C-alpha cells in the first residue's frame, strides 16, 4: 500500500520464538518461560476480581495502577512516584523511545541483545547505533561521551546470559549524555540488580517484566523504576487504560508473595547450574548465566545441527541465524526433569 510510511513498509517485524500448535507434545525451552506456575495467590486474586457474575469486568480498570504501584514501591524501597506499571515491559521500551528520541535522532543498544529494540526504533524512524562486545563482555568501542538520546543495556544480557556489574553500569551512565535504560527482564535470576543505581544516576532507568520470574508471561505485565519526572512523562503518553483489571490484581498478588517467587527462583538457579555443568562435561562451552536460560556452544560449533535434531525429538530451543550467535543455542531452564531429558538428547546427538 503506497499510503504507508516508507519506514513501516520497508521494515521487517519482530519474529518471536516458534510457538507449536500442540504445546503438550513438545518440550518448550525456546521462549524463556518459567516452568513453574505463578503464586496461587494470583489465581485467587483473579477469581475474586471476576466475582460470581463477572460484573466487575464491565468497569474500566484503575487508569493509574495506583495500588499496584504502591505494592511495587514498597517492595523496591522507593516512593510510588518512582514507579510506573505497564502492559508488559515492551510497552515501556516503546514509550521510552517515544518520550526521549525524536524522528531522525539516535538511540543505541548492545549487539547481540534484545532484537525488539531495533523494531521499535524503526517504527519511530529513529537512527540506530549498535555496540558490540569484547572478549570480556564489555562494550567494544564505546566512546568517552555517547551523545545519543537513549541507550538500552540489557542486563542480564539476552541471549548470552551474563550480567554487567553495577560499577560498570554506573560508568556507562556517566558517559551517556542521554538516558541509560537498564533492561532487567531477567534480573530476579541474577545475584545483583541495578535498582539502587536509579537514585544515584540522574539519567538511569530500570525496567522489569513479570513474564519470567513471576510466571506471568500470559498476563503481559511490566514496570519501571525511574525518577518522578520520567514517570510523569511516561504517564502522559501511555494508553489511558493500558492494564486490565485482572492483570492489575495479578501483579499485586505476585509482588506480595515473595516467598513463592524465591522458592521458584532457587529451583531454577540450581537447575541452571547443574545443567551448565553437565553440558560442559560433554564438551559444550556454556557462558556463566545470571538468567533463566543458558547460551551453549557445541564442540563442533554447528548449533543448527543440534537444533534440528532436538526439534525432531520435539524439544524446542532457540537458534539464531545472526552470524554472532549461530554457533550456539539459547536454552531456557525448565524443571529438573525437563532438563534431564534435554541432556540425554544432547548427549545422544553429540
Protein backbone atom coordinates (compact mmCIF):
# COMPACT_ATOMS: atom_id res chain seq x y z
CA UNK A 1 0.00 0.00 0.00
CA UNK A 2 1.57 3.28 -1.14
CA UNK A 3 -0.02 5.27 1.70
CA UNK A 4 2.12 3.54 4.34
CA UNK A 5 5.03 5.41 5.85
CA UNK A 6 8.16 4.36 3.96
CA UNK A 7 9.95 3.07 7.05
CA UNK A 8 6.95 0.88 8.00
CA UNK A 9 6.65 -0.56 4.51
CA UNK A 10 10.36 -1.35 4.41
CA UNK A 11 10.90 -2.75 7.91
CA UNK A 12 10.86 -6.38 8.98
CA UNK A 13 8.74 -7.10 12.05
CA UNK A 14 9.99 -8.82 15.19
CA UNK A 15 9.95 -12.61 14.97
CA UNK A 16 9.31 -14.34 18.33
CA UNK A 17 10.35 -17.88 19.16
CA UNK A 18 8.49 -20.72 17.44
CA UNK A 19 5.13 -21.48 19.07
CA UNK A 20 3.93 -25.03 18.32
CA UNK A 21 0.23 -25.65 17.82
CA UNK A 22 0.09 -28.66 20.15
CA UNK A 23 2.27 -27.46 23.01
CA UNK A 24 1.60 -30.54 25.15
CA UNK A 25 3.53 -32.64 22.63
CA UNK A 26 6.66 -30.52 22.93
CA UNK A 27 9.31 -29.75 25.49
CA UNK A 28 9.32 -25.97 25.09
CA UNK A 29 12.65 -24.37 26.03
CA UNK A 30 12.79 -21.62 23.41
CA UNK A 31 10.96 -18.60 24.89
CA UNK A 32 12.38 -18.33 28.44
CA UNK A 33 9.04 -19.03 30.09
CA UNK A 34 9.05 -20.06 33.74
CA UNK A 35 8.42 -23.81 34.10
CA UNK A 36 6.55 -23.33 37.38
CA UNK A 37 3.09 -21.82 37.89
CA UNK A 38 2.62 -18.36 39.38
CA UNK A 39 1.80 -17.87 43.02
CA UNK A 40 -1.53 -19.49 43.98
CA UNK A 41 -2.49 -16.04 45.25
CA UNK A 42 -2.57 -14.82 41.66
CA UNK A 43 -5.38 -17.19 40.68
CA UNK A 44 -7.31 -16.34 43.83
CA UNK A 45 -6.99 -12.62 43.14
CA UNK A 46 -8.17 -13.02 39.55
CA UNK A 47 -11.19 -15.12 40.56
CA UNK A 48 -12.09 -12.64 43.28
CA UNK A 49 -11.88 -9.77 40.80
CA UNK A 50 -14.10 -11.58 38.29
CA UNK A 51 -16.66 -12.39 41.02
CA UNK A 52 -19.61 -14.69 40.62
CA UNK A 53 -21.16 -12.91 37.65
CA UNK A 54 -18.23 -11.05 36.13
CA UNK A 55 -19.86 -7.68 36.73
CA UNK A 56 -16.52 -6.07 37.63
CA UNK A 57 -15.38 -6.59 34.05
CA UNK A 58 -17.92 -4.08 32.76
CA UNK A 59 -15.97 -1.32 34.50
CA UNK A 60 -12.71 0.25 33.41
CA UNK A 61 -9.58 -0.58 35.44
CA UNK A 62 -7.69 1.91 37.58
CA UNK A 63 -6.03 4.04 34.90
CA UNK A 64 -3.18 4.97 37.22
CA UNK A 65 -2.48 1.46 38.59
CA UNK A 66 -2.24 3.14 42.00
CA UNK A 67 -2.45 0.08 44.22
CA UNK A 68 -0.03 -1.94 42.10
CA UNK A 69 2.44 0.94 42.07
CA UNK A 70 2.17 1.22 45.83
CA UNK A 71 2.88 -2.51 46.30
CA UNK A 72 5.85 -2.39 43.91
CA UNK A 73 7.22 0.74 45.55
CA UNK A 74 7.16 -0.84 48.99
CA UNK A 75 8.91 -3.95 47.67
CA UNK A 76 11.67 -1.99 45.94
CA UNK A 77 12.06 0.63 48.67
CA UNK A 78 11.05 3.70 46.68
CA UNK A 79 8.21 6.21 46.71
CA UNK A 80 5.26 5.28 44.43
CA UNK A 81 6.05 8.36 42.34
CA UNK A 82 9.16 6.48 41.15
CA UNK A 83 7.14 3.53 39.78
CA UNK A 84 5.13 3.04 36.61
CA UNK A 85 3.28 -0.15 35.69
CA UNK A 86 3.00 -1.30 32.10
CA UNK A 87 1.32 -3.69 29.70
CA UNK A 88 4.49 -5.76 29.52
CA UNK A 89 7.95 -4.24 29.64
CA UNK A 90 7.78 -3.91 25.84
CA UNK A 91 5.27 -1.09 26.33
CA UNK A 92 7.85 0.70 28.45
CA UNK A 93 10.61 0.26 25.87
CA UNK A 94 8.32 1.65 23.17
CA UNK A 95 7.20 4.61 25.26
CA UNK A 96 10.73 5.43 26.37
CA UNK A 97 11.71 5.83 22.72
CA UNK A 98 8.63 7.97 22.10
CA UNK A 99 9.42 10.12 25.13
CA UNK A 100 13.13 10.70 24.56
CA UNK A 101 14.01 10.16 20.89
CA UNK A 102 12.63 12.22 18.04
CA UNK A 103 12.41 11.05 14.45
CA UNK A 104 15.90 11.01 12.96
CA UNK A 105 17.59 11.19 16.36
CA UNK A 106 19.81 8.42 17.68
CA UNK A 107 19.50 5.56 20.12
CA UNK A 108 21.86 2.67 20.76
CA UNK A 109 21.92 -0.82 22.17
CA UNK A 110 24.29 -3.74 22.50
CA UNK A 111 24.51 -6.30 19.75
CA UNK A 112 23.74 -9.05 20.49
CA UNK A 113 20.86 -8.28 22.83
CA UNK A 114 17.07 -7.97 22.61
CA UNK A 115 16.34 -7.60 18.89
CA UNK A 116 12.99 -5.90 19.53
CA UNK A 117 14.83 -2.65 20.29
CA UNK A 118 15.59 -2.32 16.58
CA UNK A 119 11.97 -2.97 15.61
CA UNK A 120 10.69 -0.29 17.99
CA UNK A 121 13.30 2.18 16.76
CA UNK A 122 12.41 1.55 13.12
CA UNK A 123 8.74 2.18 13.84
CA UNK A 124 9.61 5.62 15.21
CA UNK A 125 12.02 6.44 12.39
CA UNK A 126 14.95 6.58 14.79
CA UNK A 127 18.62 6.23 13.88
CA UNK A 128 20.18 3.07 15.34
CA UNK A 129 23.73 2.53 16.60
CA UNK A 130 24.91 -0.87 17.78
CA UNK A 131 27.82 -1.50 20.13
CA UNK A 132 29.47 -4.91 20.15
CA UNK A 133 31.07 -6.82 23.00
CA UNK A 134 34.71 -7.63 23.59
CA UNK A 135 36.05 -10.92 24.91
CA UNK A 136 35.42 -9.79 28.50
CA UNK A 137 31.75 -8.98 27.74
CA UNK A 138 32.26 -5.24 27.97
CA UNK A 139 31.18 -2.73 25.35
CA UNK A 140 33.57 -2.55 22.42
CA UNK A 141 34.44 0.91 21.08
CA UNK A 142 32.10 2.71 23.47
CA UNK A 143 33.09 6.41 23.38
CA UNK A 144 34.13 8.59 26.29
CA UNK A 145 30.87 10.51 25.64
CA UNK A 146 27.90 8.88 23.98
CA UNK A 147 25.74 11.71 22.61
CA UNK A 148 22.69 9.69 21.53
CA UNK A 149 19.33 10.26 23.19
CA UNK A 150 18.81 6.76 24.60
CA UNK A 151 20.88 3.66 25.25
CA UNK A 152 19.35 0.26 26.04
CA UNK A 153 21.58 -2.00 28.14
CA UNK A 154 20.17 -5.49 28.69
CA UNK A 155 21.45 -6.89 31.98
CA UNK A 156 21.48 -9.84 32.30
CA UNK A 157 22.14 -9.92 28.60
CA UNK A 158 19.80 -11.85 26.35
CA UNK A 159 20.65 -14.15 24.69
CA UNK A 160 24.09 -14.64 26.29
CA UNK A 161 23.07 -14.60 29.96
CA UNK A 162 25.93 -12.65 31.56
CA UNK A 163 25.32 -9.56 33.72
CA UNK A 164 27.14 -6.23 33.73
CA UNK A 165 28.46 -5.19 37.15
CA UNK A 166 26.93 -2.18 38.87
CA UNK A 167 30.25 -0.37 38.77
CA UNK A 168 30.37 -0.81 35.02
CA UNK A 169 26.73 0.25 34.59
CA UNK A 170 27.43 3.36 36.68
CA UNK A 171 30.41 4.13 34.44
CA UNK A 172 28.32 3.74 31.28
CA UNK A 173 25.64 6.03 32.73
CA UNK A 174 28.28 8.69 33.48
CA UNK A 175 29.37 8.61 29.84
CA UNK A 176 25.86 8.96 28.36
CA UNK A 177 24.58 12.44 27.54
CA UNK A 178 21.14 10.89 27.13
CA UNK A 179 19.19 8.28 29.08
CA UNK A 180 20.53 4.85 30.02
CA UNK A 181 17.79 2.22 30.26
CA UNK A 182 18.86 -0.96 32.05
CA UNK A 183 16.51 -3.67 30.83
CA UNK A 184 16.36 -6.12 33.75
CA UNK A 185 13.92 -8.64 32.33
CA UNK A 186 15.97 -11.45 33.91
CA UNK A 187 17.35 -9.69 36.98
CA UNK A 188 15.46 -11.78 39.53
CA UNK A 189 17.58 -14.78 38.47
CA UNK A 190 20.81 -12.82 39.00
CA UNK A 191 22.94 -12.25 42.07
CA UNK A 192 22.59 -8.46 41.97
CA UNK A 193 20.49 -5.72 40.39
CA UNK A 194 20.93 -2.15 39.16
CA UNK A 195 17.86 -0.87 41.04
CA UNK A 196 19.94 1.02 43.61
CA UNK A 197 21.61 2.97 40.80
CA UNK A 198 18.37 4.72 39.81
CA UNK A 199 18.63 7.11 42.76
CA UNK A 200 22.37 7.57 42.22
CA UNK A 201 22.42 8.27 38.47
CA UNK A 202 20.12 11.01 37.21
CA UNK A 203 19.87 9.55 33.70
CA UNK A 204 19.27 5.88 34.60
CA UNK A 205 16.00 3.94 34.35
CA UNK A 206 15.39 0.26 35.19
CA UNK A 207 12.68 -1.80 33.50
CA UNK A 208 11.33 -5.13 34.72
CA UNK A 209 8.89 -7.77 33.47
CA UNK A 210 6.56 -10.20 35.23
CA UNK A 211 6.84 -12.70 32.37
CA UNK A 212 9.93 -14.58 33.54
CA UNK A 213 10.42 -14.76 37.30
CA UNK A 214 6.75 -14.30 38.25
CA UNK A 215 5.48 -16.84 35.66
CA UNK A 216 3.04 -14.30 34.19
CA UNK A 217 4.03 -14.17 30.51
CA UNK A 218 0.36 -14.66 29.65
CA UNK A 219 -0.73 -11.56 31.59
CA UNK A 220 1.56 -9.00 29.87
CA UNK A 221 2.87 -7.05 32.84
CA UNK A 222 5.92 -4.90 33.42
CA UNK A 223 7.14 -1.97 35.46
CA UNK A 224 9.87 0.64 35.57
CA UNK A 225 11.70 2.39 38.37
CA UNK A 226 12.60 5.92 37.33
CA UNK A 227 12.72 9.47 38.62
CA UNK A 228 9.29 11.05 39.14
CA UNK A 229 9.66 13.43 36.20
CA UNK A 230 10.26 10.43 33.90
CA UNK A 231 7.30 8.55 35.34
CA UNK A 232 5.17 11.65 34.83
CA UNK A 233 6.25 11.88 31.19
CA UNK A 234 5.55 8.18 30.58
CA UNK A 235 2.11 8.61 32.14
CA UNK A 236 1.35 11.28 29.55
CA UNK A 237 1.96 9.05 26.54
CA UNK A 238 0.76 5.62 27.64
CA UNK A 239 -2.70 4.35 26.75
CA UNK A 240 -5.05 5.64 29.43
CA UNK A 241 -6.43 2.19 30.41
CA UNK A 242 -3.35 0.22 29.45
CA UNK A 243 -3.57 -2.59 32.05
CA UNK A 244 -6.76 -4.56 32.52
CA UNK A 245 -8.38 -5.27 35.88
CA UNK A 246 -7.29 -8.92 36.03
CA UNK A 247 -3.67 -8.12 35.20
CA UNK A 248 -3.55 -5.44 37.89
CA UNK A 249 -4.72 -7.73 40.68
CA UNK A 250 -2.41 -10.47 39.36
CA UNK A 251 0.53 -8.07 39.60
CA UNK A 252 -0.27 -7.13 43.17
CA UNK A 253 -0.72 -10.74 44.27
CA UNK A 254 2.51 -11.82 42.62
CA UNK A 255 4.54 -9.00 44.15
CA UNK A 256 3.14 -9.67 47.61
CA UNK A 257 4.06 -13.38 47.54
CA UNK A 258 7.83 -13.11 47.62
CA UNK A 259 8.11 -16.48 49.34
CA UNK A 260 6.70 -18.24 46.26
CA UNK A 261 8.96 -16.22 43.98
CA UNK A 262 12.11 -17.07 45.94
CA UNK A 263 11.22 -20.77 46.03
CA UNK A 264 10.89 -20.91 42.25
CA UNK A 265 14.00 -18.81 41.67
CA UNK A 266 16.03 -21.16 43.85
CA UNK A 267 14.89 -24.20 41.89
CA UNK A 268 15.64 -22.58 38.54
CA UNK A 269 19.09 -21.36 39.62
CA UNK A 270 20.04 -24.81 40.95
CA UNK A 271 18.85 -26.49 37.76
CA UNK A 272 20.68 -23.88 35.66
CA UNK A 273 23.98 -24.57 37.41
CA UNK A 274 23.53 -28.35 37.26
CA UNK A 275 22.61 -28.31 33.56
CA UNK A 276 25.50 -25.98 32.71
CA UNK A 277 27.97 -28.27 34.48
CA UNK A 278 26.61 -31.36 32.73
CA UNK A 279 26.80 -29.73 29.30
CA UNK A 280 30.42 -28.78 29.89
CA UNK A 281 31.11 -32.42 30.73
CA UNK A 282 30.01 -33.44 27.22
CA UNK A 283 32.13 -30.78 25.55
CA UNK A 284 29.85 -27.76 25.31
CA UNK A 285 31.03 -24.25 26.02
CA UNK A 286 28.50 -22.59 28.34
CA UNK A 287 28.62 -18.90 29.24
CA UNK A 288 28.05 -18.49 33.01
CA UNK A 289 24.45 -17.32 33.20
CA UNK A 290 22.60 -14.94 35.51
CA UNK A 291 19.28 -15.54 33.74
CA UNK A 292 16.73 -18.35 33.37
CA UNK A 293 18.48 -19.63 30.26
CA UNK A 294 21.95 -20.54 29.09
CA UNK A 295 23.82 -19.95 25.85
CA UNK A 296 25.66 -23.13 24.91
CA UNK A 297 28.01 -23.89 22.02
CA UNK A 298 28.52 -27.49 20.83
CA UNK A 299 32.07 -28.81 20.34
CA UNK A 300 31.81 -28.67 16.52
CA UNK A 301 30.24 -25.14 16.57
CA UNK A 302 27.34 -26.48 14.48
CA UNK A 303 24.43 -25.29 16.60
CA UNK A 304 21.95 -25.58 13.74
CA UNK A 305 22.63 -29.33 13.54
CA UNK A 306 21.89 -29.76 17.25
CA UNK A 307 18.81 -27.52 17.00
CA UNK A 308 17.42 -29.58 14.11
CA UNK A 309 17.96 -32.90 15.86
CA UNK A 310 16.39 -31.60 19.06
CA UNK A 311 13.44 -30.31 17.01
CA UNK A 312 12.98 -33.79 15.54
CA UNK A 313 12.75 -35.07 19.13
CA UNK A 314 10.14 -32.34 19.85
CA UNK A 315 12.49 -30.38 22.09
CA UNK A 316 12.42 -26.67 21.26
CA UNK A 317 15.42 -24.44 21.91
CA UNK A 318 16.36 -21.13 20.26
CA UNK A 319 18.71 -20.99 17.29
CA UNK A 320 19.69 -17.62 15.84
CA UNK A 321 20.89 -17.11 12.26
CA UNK A 322 22.77 -13.97 13.31
CA UNK A 323 26.46 -14.54 12.45
CA UNK A 324 27.44 -13.57 16.01
CA UNK A 325 25.13 -16.19 17.51
CA UNK A 326 24.70 -19.06 15.06
CA UNK A 327 27.43 -21.11 16.75
CA UNK A 328 25.29 -21.55 19.88
CA UNK A 329 21.85 -22.26 21.27
CA UNK A 330 19.83 -20.36 23.84
CA UNK A 331 18.18 -22.94 26.09
CA UNK A 332 15.54 -21.94 28.63
CA UNK A 333 15.79 -23.63 32.01
CA UNK A 334 12.81 -25.87 32.68
CA UNK A 335 12.19 -28.28 35.52
CA UNK A 336 14.96 -30.67 36.55
CA UNK A 337 13.08 -33.49 34.80
CA UNK A 338 12.81 -31.48 31.57
CA UNK A 339 16.50 -30.60 31.62
CA UNK A 340 17.48 -34.22 32.30
CA UNK A 341 15.52 -35.23 29.20
CA UNK A 342 17.20 -32.47 27.20
CA UNK A 343 20.64 -33.52 28.42
CA UNK A 344 20.04 -37.12 27.38
CA UNK A 345 19.01 -35.96 23.92
CA UNK A 346 22.00 -33.64 23.54
CA UNK A 347 24.37 -36.39 24.69
CA UNK A 348 22.90 -38.76 22.08
CA UNK A 349 23.15 -36.11 19.36
CA UNK A 350 26.78 -35.43 20.25
